[in-house]
C-alpha cells in the first residue's frame, strides 16, 4: 500500500510506517497532520489515479520533528570583473512518520 501526495509544491511517495522529510510545516512535534492532496493511491492490487486528486483519499502522519538540511554553497562570479559572491543556505524541513493511508 502506498500513495503519492503533494505538499509544499513537491510530490512525495508515502508508505505506512515510513519517514519522510517534507518542506517546513507550521505544526508542533507530536501532532497529527493529514494530507488530502493525494494524486495516486494503491492498495496493493488496484491503483487509483486522480484527476487531479483521488476523491476521499488521505495520508495521515505524525510529526516527528523539525530540522535543517546540510549547508549548500551558492557561489557567483563574473570573469574579468573581480565580482565574486559567496552565500550559504540551509533548507528547513519537517520529518513525518506516515501512520495510515485512507482510500
C-alpha atoms as a PDB file:
ATOM      1  CA  UNK A   1       0.000   0.000   0.000  1.00  0.00           C
ATOM      2  CA  UNK A   2       1.337   3.403  -0.972  1.00  0.00           C
ATOM      3  CA  UNK A   3       0.217   6.866  -2.026  1.00  0.00           C
ATOM      4  CA  UNK A   4       1.707   9.860  -3.791  1.00  0.00           C
ATOM      5  CA  UNK A   5       0.711  13.163  -2.216  1.00  0.00           C
ATOM      6  CA  UNK A   6       1.588  16.815  -2.758  1.00  0.00           C
ATOM      7  CA  UNK A   7       2.697  19.356  -0.160  1.00  0.00           C
ATOM      8  CA  UNK A   8       4.885  22.430  -0.367  1.00  0.00           C
ATOM      9  CA  UNK A   9       4.841  22.305  -4.167  1.00  0.00           C
ATOM     10  CA  UNK A  10       6.565  18.894  -4.208  1.00  0.00           C
ATOM     11  CA  UNK A  11       5.356  15.311  -4.501  1.00  0.00           C
ATOM     12  CA  UNK A  12       6.192  12.522  -2.057  1.00  0.00           C
ATOM     13  CA  UNK A  13       5.625   8.762  -2.008  1.00  0.00           C
ATOM     14  CA  UNK A  14       4.262   7.551   1.333  1.00  0.00           C
ATOM     15  CA  UNK A  15       4.072   4.051   2.780  1.00  0.00           C
ATOM     16  CA  UNK A  16       2.688   3.199   6.235  1.00  0.00           C
ATOM     17  CA  UNK A  17       5.487   3.316   8.812  1.00  0.00           C
ATOM     18  CA  UNK A  18       7.824   5.275   6.541  1.00  0.00           C
ATOM     19  CA  UNK A  19       9.553   8.539   7.418  1.00  0.00           C
ATOM     20  CA  UNK A  20       9.589  11.475   5.010  1.00  0.00           C
ATOM     21  CA  UNK A  21      11.213  14.914   5.098  1.00  0.00           C
ATOM     22  CA  UNK A  22       8.738  17.462   3.737  1.00  0.00           C
ATOM     23  CA  UNK A  23       9.060  21.265   3.474  1.00  0.00           C
ATOM     24  CA  UNK A  24       8.531  23.002   6.804  1.00  0.00           C
ATOM     25  CA  UNK A  25       5.017  22.744   8.238  1.00  0.00           C
ATOM     26  CA  UNK A  26       3.671  25.050  10.946  1.00  0.00           C
ATOM     27  CA  UNK A  27       2.823  22.306  13.478  1.00  0.00           C
ATOM     28  CA  UNK A  28       4.354  21.106  16.723  1.00  0.00           C
ATOM     29  CA  UNK A  29       6.287  17.853  17.101  1.00  0.00           C
ATOM     30  CA  UNK A  30       3.952  15.032  18.168  1.00  0.00           C
ATOM     31  CA  UNK A  31       0.902  16.485  16.400  1.00  0.00           C
ATOM     32  CA  UNK A  32      -1.014  14.615  13.717  1.00  0.00           C
ATOM     33  CA  UNK A  33      -1.270  16.076  10.227  1.00  0.00           C
ATOM     34  CA  UNK A  34      -3.488  14.984   7.306  1.00  0.00           C
ATOM     35  CA  UNK A  35      -2.600  15.444   3.638  1.00  0.00           C
ATOM     36  CA  UNK A  36      -5.736  15.448   1.442  1.00  0.00           C
ATOM     37  CA  UNK A  37      -3.980  16.282  -1.826  1.00  0.00           C
ATOM     38  CA  UNK A  38      -3.414  12.632  -2.881  1.00  0.00           C
ATOM     39  CA  UNK A  39      -2.511  12.271  -6.562  1.00  0.00           C
ATOM     40  CA  UNK A  40      -2.203   8.473  -6.746  1.00  0.00           C
ATOM     41  CA  UNK A  41      -3.063   5.640  -4.367  1.00  0.00           C
ATOM     42  CA  UNK A  42      -2.596   1.879  -4.415  1.00  0.00           C
ATOM     43  CA  UNK A  43      -3.912  -0.796  -2.045  1.00  0.00           C
ATOM     44  CA  UNK A  44      -1.572  -3.472  -3.392  1.00  0.00           C
ATOM     45  CA  UNK A  45      -3.909  -4.677  -6.142  1.00  0.00           C
ATOM     46  CA  UNK A  46      -5.713  -1.724  -7.702  1.00  0.00           C
ATOM     47  CA  UNK A  47      -4.201   1.657  -8.479  1.00  0.00           C
ATOM     48  CA  UNK A  48      -6.362   4.791  -8.280  1.00  0.00           C
ATOM     49  CA  UNK A  49      -5.127   7.751 -10.306  1.00  0.00           C
ATOM     50  CA  UNK A  50      -6.567  11.162  -9.502  1.00  0.00           C
ATOM     51  CA  UNK A  51      -7.918  13.671 -11.966  1.00  0.00           C
ATOM     52  CA  UNK A  52      -6.178  15.715 -10.463  1.00  0.00           C
ATOM     53  CA  UNK A  53      -6.684  14.180  -6.990  1.00  0.00           C
ATOM     54  CA  UNK A  54      -8.159  10.935  -5.668  1.00  0.00           C
ATOM     55  CA  UNK A  55     -11.545  11.581  -4.019  1.00  0.00           C
ATOM     56  CA  UNK A  56     -11.738  10.553  -0.368  1.00  0.00           C
ATOM     57  CA  UNK A  57      -8.065   9.583  -0.118  1.00  0.00           C
ATOM     58  CA  UNK A  58      -5.813  10.997   2.597  1.00  0.00           C
ATOM     59  CA  UNK A  59      -2.428  10.398   4.183  1.00  0.00           C
ATOM     60  CA  UNK A  60      -2.361  10.654   7.979  1.00  0.00           C
ATOM     61  CA  UNK A  61       1.022  11.206   9.598  1.00  0.00           C
ATOM     62  CA  UNK A  62       2.600  12.186  12.906  1.00  0.00           C
ATOM     63  CA  UNK A  63       5.182  14.979  13.089  1.00  0.00           C
ATOM     64  CA  UNK A  64       8.468  13.580  14.414  1.00  0.00           C
ATOM     65  CA  UNK A  65      10.395  16.861  14.468  1.00  0.00           C
ATOM     66  CA  UNK A  66      11.846  19.808  12.591  1.00  0.00           C
ATOM     67  CA  UNK A  67      15.354  20.382  11.303  1.00  0.00           C
ATOM     68  CA  UNK A  68      17.563  21.865   8.637  1.00  0.00           C
ATOM     69  CA  UNK A  69      19.399  20.175   5.773  1.00  0.00           C
ATOM     70  CA  UNK A  70      23.125  20.261   5.126  1.00  0.00           C
ATOM     71  CA  UNK A  71      24.512  23.621   4.045  1.00  0.00           C
ATOM     72  CA  UNK A  72      24.872  24.270   0.337  1.00  0.00           C
ATOM     73  CA  UNK A  73      27.165  26.962  -1.056  1.00  0.00           C
ATOM     74  CA  UNK A  74      25.909  29.399  -3.697  1.00  0.00           C
ATOM     75  CA  UNK A  75      28.924  30.959  -5.433  1.00  0.00           C
ATOM     76  CA  UNK A  76      28.580  33.581  -8.165  1.00  0.00           C
ATOM     77  CA  UNK A  77      31.332  35.198 -10.184  1.00  0.00           C
ATOM     78  CA  UNK A  78      31.862  37.140 -13.375  1.00  0.00           C
ATOM     79  CA  UNK A  79      35.018  36.640 -15.325  1.00  0.00           C
ATOM     80  CA  UNK A  80      37.471  39.517 -15.697  1.00  0.00           C
ATOM     81  CA  UNK A  81      35.347  41.806 -13.472  1.00  0.00           C
ATOM     82  CA  UNK A  82      36.507  40.849  -9.985  1.00  0.00           C
ATOM     83  CA  UNK A  83      32.923  40.127  -8.961  1.00  0.00           C
ATOM     84  CA  UNK A  84      32.622  37.215  -6.512  1.00  0.00           C
ATOM     85  CA  UNK A  85      29.767  36.494  -4.135  1.00  0.00           C
ATOM     86  CA  UNK A  86      29.578  33.541  -1.745  1.00  0.00           C
ATOM     87  CA  UNK A  87      26.381  32.667   0.061  1.00  0.00           C
ATOM     88  CA  UNK A  88      25.283  29.680   2.137  1.00  0.00           C
ATOM     89  CA  UNK A  89      21.807  28.211   2.521  1.00  0.00           C
ATOM     90  CA  UNK A  90      20.201  25.583   4.776  1.00  0.00           C
ATOM     91  CA  UNK A  91      16.691  24.481   3.816  1.00  0.00           C
ATOM     92  CA  UNK A  92      14.286  23.750   6.656  1.00  0.00           C
ATOM     93  CA  UNK A  93      12.252  20.540   6.792  1.00  0.00           C
ATOM     94  CA  UNK A  94       9.668  18.728   8.885  1.00  0.00           C
ATOM     95  CA  UNK A  95      10.130  14.996   9.385  1.00  0.00           C
ATOM     96  CA  UNK A  96       6.909  12.986   9.454  1.00  0.00           C
ATOM     97  CA  UNK A  97       6.080   9.331  10.112  1.00  0.00           C
ATOM     98  CA  UNK A  98       3.215   8.007   7.994  1.00  0.00           C
ATOM     99  CA  UNK A  99       0.623   6.280  10.185  1.00  0.00           C
ATOM    100  CA  UNK A 100      -2.009   5.266   7.660  1.00  0.00           C
ATOM    101  CA  UNK A 101      -3.296   5.798   4.143  1.00  0.00           C
ATOM    102  CA  UNK A 102      -7.071   6.196   3.854  1.00  0.00           C
ATOM    103  CA  UNK A 103      -8.616   5.294   0.492  1.00  0.00           C
END
